[in-house]
């Protein structure tokens, strides 16, 4: 755990006693690609948090590596929906309490079903938003899965 930056996401991890670090950068574009570039880490280590709505389940969250594209068909299949569509930014912000470019899978206003791409398993290091633009959580992929309760599935396009 680390001191200095406190967000709903860091509080959630501390409440679960999960080891993590913080990586900060000067955000301009508010994208996962920018985070990878400015932090000098491979894009595959930086995961972006996307919020969607399933026709059967309602809101769901997908966490996918930067440089990949979410497959709404695969996410629908994994989540028990027939169709899934990404939420508009305004709806995502209202639902999660986070802003675009700073949406963390941890500490959302209310817990939502979470699906993480299978590449997260076994990763010694993965980064995801800490709930503030320009601030990333750094933790192991297995700790991420355990702390988030994510269902791990193939949810990206080939």
Protein backbone atom coordinates (compact mmCIF):
# COMPACT_ATOMS: atom_id res chain seq x y z
CA UNK A 1 0.00 0.00 0.00
CA UNK A 2 1.11 3.52 -0.51
CA UNK A 3 0.47 6.92 0.95
CA UNK A 4 -0.05 10.20 -0.84
CA UNK A 5 -3.00 9.52 -3.13
CA UNK A 6 -6.39 8.63 -1.72
CA UNK A 7 -9.38 7.80 -3.91
CA UNK A 8 -12.40 5.56 -3.57
CA UNK A 9 -10.38 2.93 -5.44
CA UNK A 10 -7.41 3.06 -3.04
CA UNK A 11 -9.79 2.92 -0.07
CA UNK A 12 -11.45 -0.16 -1.56
CA UNK A 13 -8.09 -1.92 -1.97
CA UNK A 14 -6.92 -0.95 1.50
CA UNK A 15 -10.20 -2.27 2.92
CA UNK A 16 -9.45 -5.60 1.24
CA UNK A 17 -5.81 -5.49 2.42
CA UNK A 18 -4.47 -5.72 -1.14
CA UNK A 19 -0.88 -4.67 -1.85
CA UNK A 20 -0.64 -2.01 -4.54
CA UNK A 21 1.49 0.92 -5.65
CA UNK A 22 0.60 4.21 -7.30
CA UNK A 23 2.03 5.48 -10.59
CA UNK A 24 1.32 9.10 -11.51
CA UNK A 25 1.79 10.99 -14.77
CA UNK A 26 0.76 14.36 -16.22
CA UNK A 27 -2.42 13.46 -18.08
CA UNK A 28 -3.37 15.46 -21.15
CA UNK A 29 -5.35 13.08 -23.39
CA UNK A 30 -6.83 10.94 -20.57
CA UNK A 31 -6.30 7.65 -22.41
CA UNK A 32 -4.79 4.33 -21.43
CA UNK A 33 -2.37 4.67 -24.35
CA UNK A 34 -1.11 7.93 -22.87
CA UNK A 35 -0.68 6.26 -19.47
CA UNK A 36 1.42 3.45 -20.96
CA UNK A 37 3.55 5.89 -22.95
CA UNK A 38 4.19 8.36 -20.12
CA UNK A 39 4.84 5.62 -17.55
CA UNK A 40 7.14 3.72 -19.92
CA UNK A 41 5.30 0.41 -19.63
CA UNK A 42 3.97 -1.91 -22.35
CA UNK A 43 0.41 -1.17 -23.44
CA UNK A 44 -0.52 -4.76 -22.60
CA UNK A 45 0.18 -4.00 -18.91
CA UNK A 46 -2.22 -1.03 -18.76
CA UNK A 47 -5.88 -2.01 -18.58
CA UNK A 48 -8.78 0.28 -19.42
CA UNK A 49 -12.13 0.19 -17.65
CA UNK A 50 -15.19 0.28 -19.90
CA UNK A 51 -18.79 0.42 -18.72
CA UNK A 52 -21.55 -1.15 -20.79
CA UNK A 53 -25.19 -2.11 -20.51
CA UNK A 54 -26.46 -5.62 -21.15
CA UNK A 55 -30.02 -6.18 -22.33
CA UNK A 56 -30.60 -8.67 -19.49
CA UNK A 57 -28.23 -7.63 -16.70
CA UNK A 58 -28.12 -3.87 -16.96
CA UNK A 59 -24.77 -2.13 -16.33
CA UNK A 60 -21.59 -4.22 -16.44
CA UNK A 61 -17.88 -3.41 -16.45
CA UNK A 62 -15.16 -4.74 -18.76
CA UNK A 63 -11.44 -4.38 -18.04
CA UNK A 64 -9.32 -4.91 -21.14
CA UNK A 65 -5.67 -4.35 -22.07
CA UNK A 66 -4.72 -1.18 -23.91
CA UNK A 67 -4.17 -1.83 -27.59
CA UNK A 68 -7.13 -4.22 -27.76
CA UNK A 69 -10.74 -3.61 -28.64
CA UNK A 70 -13.65 -4.82 -26.54
CA UNK A 71 -15.82 -7.42 -28.27
CA UNK A 72 -19.38 -6.63 -27.26
CA UNK A 73 -20.42 -10.04 -28.62
CA UNK A 74 -17.94 -11.88 -26.39
CA UNK A 75 -18.84 -9.70 -23.40
CA UNK A 76 -22.53 -10.41 -24.00
CA UNK A 77 -21.84 -14.14 -24.09
CA UNK A 78 -19.68 -14.05 -20.94
CA UNK A 79 -22.23 -11.95 -19.04
CA UNK A 80 -25.38 -13.83 -20.01
CA UNK A 81 -26.71 -11.10 -22.27
CA UNK A 82 -27.91 -11.22 -25.86
CA UNK A 83 -26.54 -7.75 -26.60
CA UNK A 84 -24.20 -5.31 -24.89
CA UNK A 85 -23.49 -1.69 -25.76
CA UNK A 86 -21.07 0.81 -24.26
CA UNK A 87 -22.60 3.58 -22.18
CA UNK A 88 -22.40 7.23 -23.12
CA UNK A 89 -19.76 9.12 -21.13
CA UNK A 90 -22.37 11.06 -19.14
CA UNK A 91 -24.17 7.89 -18.07
CA UNK A 92 -20.89 6.17 -17.17
CA UNK A 93 -19.88 9.13 -15.00
CA UNK A 94 -23.27 9.26 -13.25
CA UNK A 95 -23.33 5.51 -12.64
CA UNK A 96 -19.73 5.05 -11.45
CA UNK A 97 -18.90 8.38 -9.83
CA UNK A 98 -15.75 8.55 -11.96
CA UNK A 99 -14.85 10.75 -14.94
CA UNK A 100 -13.75 9.63 -18.40
CA UNK A 101 -10.04 8.87 -18.26
CA UNK A 102 -10.22 8.21 -14.52
CA UNK A 103 -12.70 5.34 -14.22
CA UNK A 104 -11.43 2.67 -11.84
CA UNK A 105 -12.85 -0.85 -11.55
CA UNK A 106 -12.60 -0.40 -7.76
CA UNK A 107 -14.73 1.87 -5.58
CA UNK A 108 -17.59 2.60 -7.97
CA UNK A 109 -20.76 4.13 -6.54
CA UNK A 110 -22.33 0.68 -6.49
CA UNK A 111 -20.79 -2.69 -7.29
CA UNK A 112 -21.32 -3.79 -10.88
CA UNK A 113 -20.60 -7.19 -12.47
CA UNK A 114 -16.99 -7.08 -13.64
CA UNK A 115 -15.39 -8.99 -16.51
CA UNK A 116 -11.62 -8.90 -17.03
CA UNK A 117 -9.76 -10.08 -20.11
CA UNK A 118 -8.04 -13.41 -19.58
CA UNK A 119 -4.57 -11.91 -20.15
CA UNK A 120 -4.75 -10.43 -16.63
CA UNK A 121 -4.23 -13.84 -14.99
CA UNK A 122 -0.66 -14.49 -13.92
CA UNK A 123 0.56 -10.99 -14.83
CA UNK A 124 3.24 -9.92 -12.35
CA UNK A 125 2.18 -6.30 -12.96
CA UNK A 126 -0.96 -4.69 -14.30
CA UNK A 127 -2.05 -1.09 -14.13
CA UNK A 128 -5.57 0.30 -14.01
CA UNK A 129 -7.03 3.66 -13.11
CA UNK A 130 -6.94 4.66 -9.46
CA UNK A 131 -10.06 6.75 -9.95
CA UNK A 132 -8.34 10.00 -10.88
CA UNK A 133 -6.93 11.15 -14.20
CA UNK A 134 -3.17 10.65 -14.31
CA UNK A 135 -3.11 8.17 -11.42
CA UNK A 136 -2.78 4.42 -11.93
CA UNK A 137 -2.93 1.50 -9.51
CA UNK A 138 -0.13 -1.03 -9.92
CA UNK A 139 -0.79 -4.56 -8.67
CA UNK A 140 -0.44 -8.16 -9.79
CA UNK A 141 -3.04 -9.56 -12.13
CA UNK A 142 -3.98 -12.29 -9.67
CA UNK A 143 -4.42 -9.72 -6.87
CA UNK A 144 -6.60 -7.69 -9.24
CA UNK A 145 -8.85 -10.68 -9.94
CA UNK A 146 -9.08 -11.65 -6.26
CA UNK A 147 -9.78 -8.09 -5.06
CA UNK A 148 -12.26 -7.21 -7.80
CA UNK A 149 -14.11 -10.51 -7.94
CA UNK A 150 -13.86 -10.26 -11.72
CA UNK A 151 -15.02 -13.02 -14.00
CA UNK A 152 -12.06 -13.73 -16.28
CA UNK A 153 -12.99 -14.29 -19.92
CA UNK A 154 -11.93 -13.61 -23.49
CA UNK A 155 -13.74 -10.32 -24.10
CA UNK A 156 -11.60 -8.69 -26.82
CA UNK A 157 -11.74 -8.84 -30.60
CA UNK A 158 -9.20 -11.03 -32.37
